[in-house]
Protein backbone atom coordinates (compact mmCIF):
# COMPACT_ATOMS: atom_id res chain seq x y z
CA MET A 1 -4.73 -8.35 3.98
CA LEU A 2 -6.91 -10.53 1.72
CA PHE A 3 -5.15 -9.09 -1.31
CA PHE A 4 -2.38 -11.69 -1.07
CA ILE A 5 -5.02 -14.44 -1.21
CA ASN A 6 -7.07 -12.78 -3.95
CA ASP A 7 -4.15 -12.35 -6.37
CA ILE A 8 -1.12 -14.59 -5.96
CA HIS A 9 0.89 -12.48 -8.43
CA ILE A 10 1.18 -9.73 -5.79
CA VAL A 11 3.28 -11.94 -3.50
CA GLY A 12 6.96 -11.01 -3.20
CA ARG A 13 6.70 -7.43 -4.48
CA LYS A 14 9.23 -4.83 -3.32
CA GLU A 15 6.74 -2.63 -1.49
CA ILE A 16 7.55 -4.79 1.55
CA ILE A 17 10.63 -2.52 1.88
CA LEU A 18 8.33 0.52 2.12
CA PHE A 19 6.11 -1.26 4.67
CA VAL A 20 9.04 -2.17 6.91
CA ILE A 21 10.56 1.34 6.86
CA PHE A 22 7.19 2.96 7.49
CA ALA A 23 6.37 0.53 10.32
CA PHE A 24 9.73 1.33 11.92
CA PHE A 25 9.05 5.07 11.51
CA VAL A 26 5.56 4.84 13.05
CA HIS A 27 6.93 2.73 15.92
CA LEU A 28 9.51 5.43 16.68
CA LEU A 29 6.81 8.11 16.66
CA SER A 30 4.55 6.12 18.97
CA LYS A 31 7.43 5.71 21.45
CA ASP A 32 8.57 9.34 21.05
CA GLN A 33 11.95 8.09 19.77
CA PHE A 34 12.04 9.79 16.37
CA LYS A 35 15.11 11.84 17.20
CA GLY A 36 18.88 11.64 17.24
CA PHE A 37 20.51 8.65 15.53
CA LYS A 38 17.18 6.85 14.88
CA GLU A 39 15.77 9.89 13.11
CA TYR A 40 18.71 10.05 10.69
CA LEU A 41 18.57 6.27 10.26
CA VAL A 42 15.05 6.67 8.85
CA TYR A 43 16.30 9.36 6.43
CA ALA A 44 19.08 7.02 5.27
CA LEU A 45 16.67 4.09 4.83
CA LEU A 46 14.33 6.25 2.74
CA PHE A 47 17.22 7.42 0.56
CA VAL A 48 18.34 3.84 -0.11
CA GLY A 49 14.74 2.63 -0.50
CA VAL A 50 14.25 4.84 -3.56
CA LEU A 51 17.08 2.95 -5.27
CA PHE A 52 15.06 -0.27 -4.87
CA HIS A 53 11.66 1.02 -5.96
CA GLU A 54 10.27 4.23 -7.43
CA ILE A 55 7.00 4.06 -5.45
CA PHE A 56 8.69 5.79 -2.50
CA ILE A 57 8.22 9.21 -4.11
CA PHE A 58 4.47 8.60 -4.47
CA TYR A 59 4.01 7.51 -0.85
CA ALA A 60 6.54 9.87 0.81
CA PRO A 61 3.77 12.22 2.10
CA TYR A 62 2.64 9.40 4.40
CA PHE A 63 5.75 10.03 6.48
CA VAL A 64 5.16 13.80 6.61
CA LEU A 65 1.43 13.63 7.39
CA THR A 66 1.90 10.83 9.95
CA LEU A 67 4.43 13.06 11.71
CA TRP A 68 1.73 15.76 11.80
CA LEU A 69 -0.94 13.31 13.06
CA PHE A 70 1.24 12.22 15.96
CA ASN A 71 2.61 15.62 16.95
CA LYS A 72 -0.68 17.44 16.28
CA LYS A 73 1.43 20.29 14.92
CA VAL A 74 3.52 21.00 11.83
CA ASP A 75 7.23 20.25 12.22
CA TYR A 76 8.61 21.93 9.09
CA TRP A 77 12.24 20.85 9.51
CA LYS A 78 11.57 17.17 10.12
CA GLY A 79 8.88 17.13 7.44
CA ALA A 80 11.23 18.71 4.92
CA ARG A 81 14.03 16.28 5.77
CA LEU A 82 11.69 13.31 5.38
CA TYR A 83 10.51 14.43 1.97
CA LEU A 84 13.98 15.44 0.75
CA SER A 85 15.30 12.00 1.75
CA VAL A 86 13.07 10.62 -1.00
CA LEU A 87 13.04 13.53 -3.46
CA ILE A 88 16.84 13.91 -3.80
CA PRO A 89 17.59 10.30 -4.88
CA THR A 90 14.48 10.35 -7.10
CA CYS A 91 15.78 13.42 -8.95
CA ILE A 92 19.26 11.88 -9.25
CA VAL A 93 17.83 8.72 -10.84
CA PHE A 94 15.34 10.60 -13.04
CA PHE A 95 17.73 13.19 -14.45
CA PHE A 96 21.06 11.32 -14.43
CA GLY A 97 20.10 7.64 -14.49
CA LYS A 98 20.59 5.51 -17.58
CA ALA A 99 20.09 1.94 -18.74
CA ILE A 100 22.71 -0.43 -17.34
CA ASN A 101 23.33 -3.75 -19.07
CA GLU A 102 19.81 -3.59 -20.53
CA GLY A 103 18.79 -6.97 -21.88
CA GLU A 104 22.18 -8.62 -21.30
CA SER A 105 21.05 -10.20 -18.03
CA LEU A 106 18.58 -12.34 -19.98
CA ASN A 107 21.33 -13.45 -22.37
CA ILE A 108 23.57 -14.42 -19.43
CA LEU A 109 20.78 -16.50 -17.94
CA LYS A 110 20.08 -18.13 -21.31
CA GLN A 111 23.75 -19.11 -21.68
CA ARG A 112 23.45 -20.93 -18.35
CA GLY A 113 20.42 -22.90 -19.47
CA ILE A 114 17.71 -20.74 -17.85
CA GLU A 115 14.98 -19.64 -20.25
CA PHE A 116 11.78 -17.84 -19.34
CA GLY A 117 8.54 -19.18 -20.75
CA SER A 118 5.80 -17.11 -22.31
CA GLY A 119 4.39 -14.50 -19.94
CA GLN A 120 7.21 -14.95 -17.40
CA LEU A 121 9.36 -11.97 -18.35
CA SER A 122 7.27 -9.63 -16.17
CA ILE A 123 8.88 -6.15 -16.18
CA PHE A 124 11.07 -7.03 -19.19
CA ASP A 125 7.87 -7.06 -21.30
CA PHE A 126 6.77 -3.57 -20.28
CA SER A 127 7.54 -0.39 -22.18
CA ASN A 128 9.54 2.32 -20.42
CA ASP A 129 7.68 5.06 -22.29
CA LEU A 130 5.57 7.43 -20.22
CA LEU A 131 1.80 6.94 -20.58
CA SER A 132 2.37 3.49 -22.12
CA SER A 133 -0.41 2.11 -19.88
CA ILE A 134 -3.13 4.23 -21.50
CA ASP A 135 -3.77 1.47 -24.07
CA ARG A 136 -4.39 -1.02 -21.25
CA TYR A 137 -7.02 1.28 -19.72
CA LEU A 138 -8.74 1.72 -23.09
CA GLU A 139 -8.83 -2.06 -23.59
CA THR A 140 -10.59 -2.74 -20.27
CA PRO A 141 -12.33 0.50 -19.19
CA TRP A 142 -15.03 -1.34 -17.21
CA GLY A 143 -12.52 -3.40 -15.20
CA TYR A 144 -10.50 -0.33 -14.23
CA SER A 145 -13.58 1.76 -13.41
CA LEU A 146 -14.60 -0.92 -10.88
CA TYR A 147 -11.58 -0.02 -8.72
CA SER A 148 -13.71 2.91 -7.54
CA VAL A 149 -16.16 0.36 -6.04
CA SER A 150 -13.47 -1.42 -4.01
CA LEU A 151 -11.96 1.92 -2.96
CA ILE A 152 -15.33 3.23 -1.73
CA LEU A 153 -16.02 0.01 0.19
CA GLY A 154 -12.62 0.29 1.86
CA LEU A 155 -13.19 3.95 2.75
CA LEU A 156 -16.63 3.20 4.24
CA HIS A 157 -15.13 0.45 6.36
CA VAL A 158 -12.33 2.70 7.62
CA TYR A 159 -14.67 5.64 8.25
CA TYR A 160 -17.05 3.45 10.29
CA TYR A 161 -14.14 2.24 12.40
CA LEU A 162 -12.79 5.76 12.92
CA ARG A 163 -16.21 7.18 13.86
CA LYS A 164 -16.70 4.38 16.37
CA GLU A 165 -13.23 4.16 17.95
CA HIS A 166 -11.61 7.58 17.30
CA PRO A 167 -14.40 10.13 16.67
CA SER A 168 -12.19 13.11 17.49
CA GLU A 169 -9.57 12.06 14.93
CA SER A 170 -11.88 10.56 12.28
CA LYS A 171 -12.23 13.57 9.95
CA ARG A 172 -8.58 14.55 10.17
CA ILE A 173 -7.35 11.03 9.35
CA LEU A 174 -9.90 10.44 6.59
CA TRP A 175 -9.19 13.75 4.83
CA SER A 176 -5.45 13.14 5.13
CA PHE A 177 -5.92 9.71 3.57
CA LEU A 178 -7.91 11.16 0.65
CA LEU A 179 -5.22 13.80 0.07
CA LEU A 180 -2.56 11.08 -0.01
CA ILE A 181 -4.53 9.13 -2.60
CA GLY A 182 -4.87 12.32 -4.64
CA TYR A 183 -1.12 12.92 -4.48
CA SER A 184 -0.44 9.43 -5.85
CA LEU A 185 -2.76 9.84 -8.89
CA PRO A 186 0.20 10.22 -11.30
CA LEU A 187 1.23 6.68 -10.30
CA PHE A 188 -2.23 5.41 -11.26
CA ILE A 189 -1.93 7.15 -14.65
CA LEU A 190 1.59 5.92 -15.39
CA VAL A 191 1.36 2.31 -14.19
CA CYS A 192 -1.58 -0.08 -14.53
CA ASP A 193 -1.27 -1.97 -11.18
CA TRP A 194 -4.17 -0.06 -9.60
CA GLY A 195 -5.13 -2.75 -7.11
CA ARG A 196 -1.57 -2.88 -5.88
CA TRP A 197 -1.36 0.89 -5.36
CA ILE A 198 -4.68 0.95 -3.48
CA GLN A 199 -3.56 -1.94 -1.29
CA ILE A 200 -0.35 -0.08 -0.38
CA HIS A 201 -2.45 2.91 0.70
CA PHE A 202 -4.60 0.81 3.01
CA VAL A 203 -1.65 -1.10 4.50
CA LEU A 204 0.10 2.16 5.39
CA LEU A 205 -3.14 3.50 6.88
CA LEU A 206 -3.53 0.28 8.87
CA LEU A 207 -0.07 0.78 10.37
CA VAL A 208 -1.05 4.29 11.47
CA LEU A 209 -4.35 3.09 12.98
CA ALA A 210 -2.60 0.27 14.84
CA THR A 211 -0.64 2.78 16.90
CA LEU A 212 -3.88 4.46 17.99
CA LEU A 213 -5.10 1.29 19.70
CA PRO A 214 -5.28 1.56 23.50
CA THR A 215 -2.65 -0.19 25.61
CA LYS A 216 -3.82 -3.72 26.29
CA THR A 217 -4.60 -4.60 29.90
CA LYS A 218 -6.34 -7.57 31.45
CA GLU A 219 -9.40 -5.46 32.24
CA SER A 220 -9.63 -4.04 28.70
CA VAL A 221 -9.35 -7.51 27.15
CA ILE A 222 -12.20 -8.80 29.31
CA LYS A 223 -14.30 -5.75 28.50
CA LYS A 224 -13.68 -6.02 24.77
CA THR A 225 -14.48 -9.74 24.59
CA SER A 226 -17.73 -9.42 26.57
CA LEU A 227 -19.86 -8.68 23.52
CA PRO A 228 -23.36 -9.92 22.68
CA VAL A 229 -23.67 -12.93 20.39
CA TRP A 230 -25.35 -10.92 17.65
CA LYS A 231 -22.26 -8.73 17.26
CA TYR A 232 -20.04 -11.78 16.82
CA SER A 233 -22.54 -13.17 14.31
CA LEU A 234 -22.49 -9.87 12.43
CA ALA A 235 -18.68 -9.92 12.33
CA VAL A 236 -18.68 -13.50 10.94
CA MET A 237 -21.22 -12.52 8.27
CA TYR A 238 -19.09 -9.52 7.33
CA ILE A 239 -15.99 -11.70 6.93
CA ILE A 240 -17.96 -14.12 4.74
CA LEU A 241 -19.12 -11.16 2.64
CA LEU A 242 -15.49 -10.05 2.15
CA LEU A 243 -14.67 -13.54 0.85
CA THR A 244 -17.27 -13.34 -1.93
CA TRP A 245 -15.43 -10.74 -4.04
CA ARG A 246 -11.87 -9.94 -4.95
CA VAL A 247 -9.64 -7.21 -6.36
CA TYR A 248 -6.81 -7.98 -8.78
CA HIS A 249 -3.56 -6.04 -8.91
CA PHE A 250 -4.45 -4.82 -12.40
CA LYS A 251 -7.27 -4.93 -14.94
CA ASN A 252 -10.15 -6.02 -12.63
CA GLY A 253 -11.09 -3.77 -9.71
CA PHE A 254 -14.10 -5.69 -8.39
CA VAL A 255 -15.01 -9.27 -9.30
CA LEU A 256 -17.61 -11.54 -7.67
CA ASP A 257 -15.12 -14.39 -7.68
CA GLY A 258 -13.69 -14.37 -4.18
CA PHE A 259 -12.00 -16.96 -1.99
CA LEU A 260 -15.26 -18.84 -1.39
CA THR A 261 -15.66 -19.38 -5.13
CA TYR A 262 -12.05 -20.62 -5.33
CA LEU A 263 -12.66 -22.97 -2.40
CA PHE A 264 -15.89 -24.27 -3.92
CA ASN A 265 -14.17 -24.98 -7.26
CA LYS A 266 -11.36 -26.85 -5.47
CA ILE A 267 -13.88 -29.01 -3.61
CA VAL A 268 -15.81 -29.75 -6.81
């Protein structure tokens, strides 16, 4: 969740569509309502979602594996329908899609007195050629290699939580998560926004873990909040530690220039 503070350029990206659809899907599974009209509504939302952003094909297995995690068995038909809901529109766009009005939108805006400044064209500046990001990786190999540091820190955090709160499910969830990251590797090769792709992985995992939380009762709240002072102190220290470093959506995977540094500079 700190990613939106660490890199303001990530705000307003279209993966919010993926998050909303996945959250709705996980909610249905947790309530045992993924059937009938609501089931086919999810298929329709996935189909349309692909037309908004291509990342759906790289994160589609989350839907299939989450179905398996909840049901504790393989549902081939529902899993196939989930994946085909994303694969079919992806193939249509990939094989039959073409440029529509390419570049003319900028001319229309310019005629109406709206001109983008340097560095504001965003996706209009990027090449559509496959493997066009390789040059970016070669320019900053150290910055991109440091994404492994932030990924490992995130995995250690998640694994500690799973071992403590869900020991019986910890290995299954962790291995599933690693497989999902492996499946999305082509995205990391093709597009340079590595921090963004990693953040999407952890947000989707967070939505799955949220459904595993026990039902809140008055007794459970009292029990959970009756912790020794040293544990609270440890939690505060851990939060402060998280604020000392940051991850950018591309180019820099681990930088000792976190929110505390930003706050200090503002005060100075």
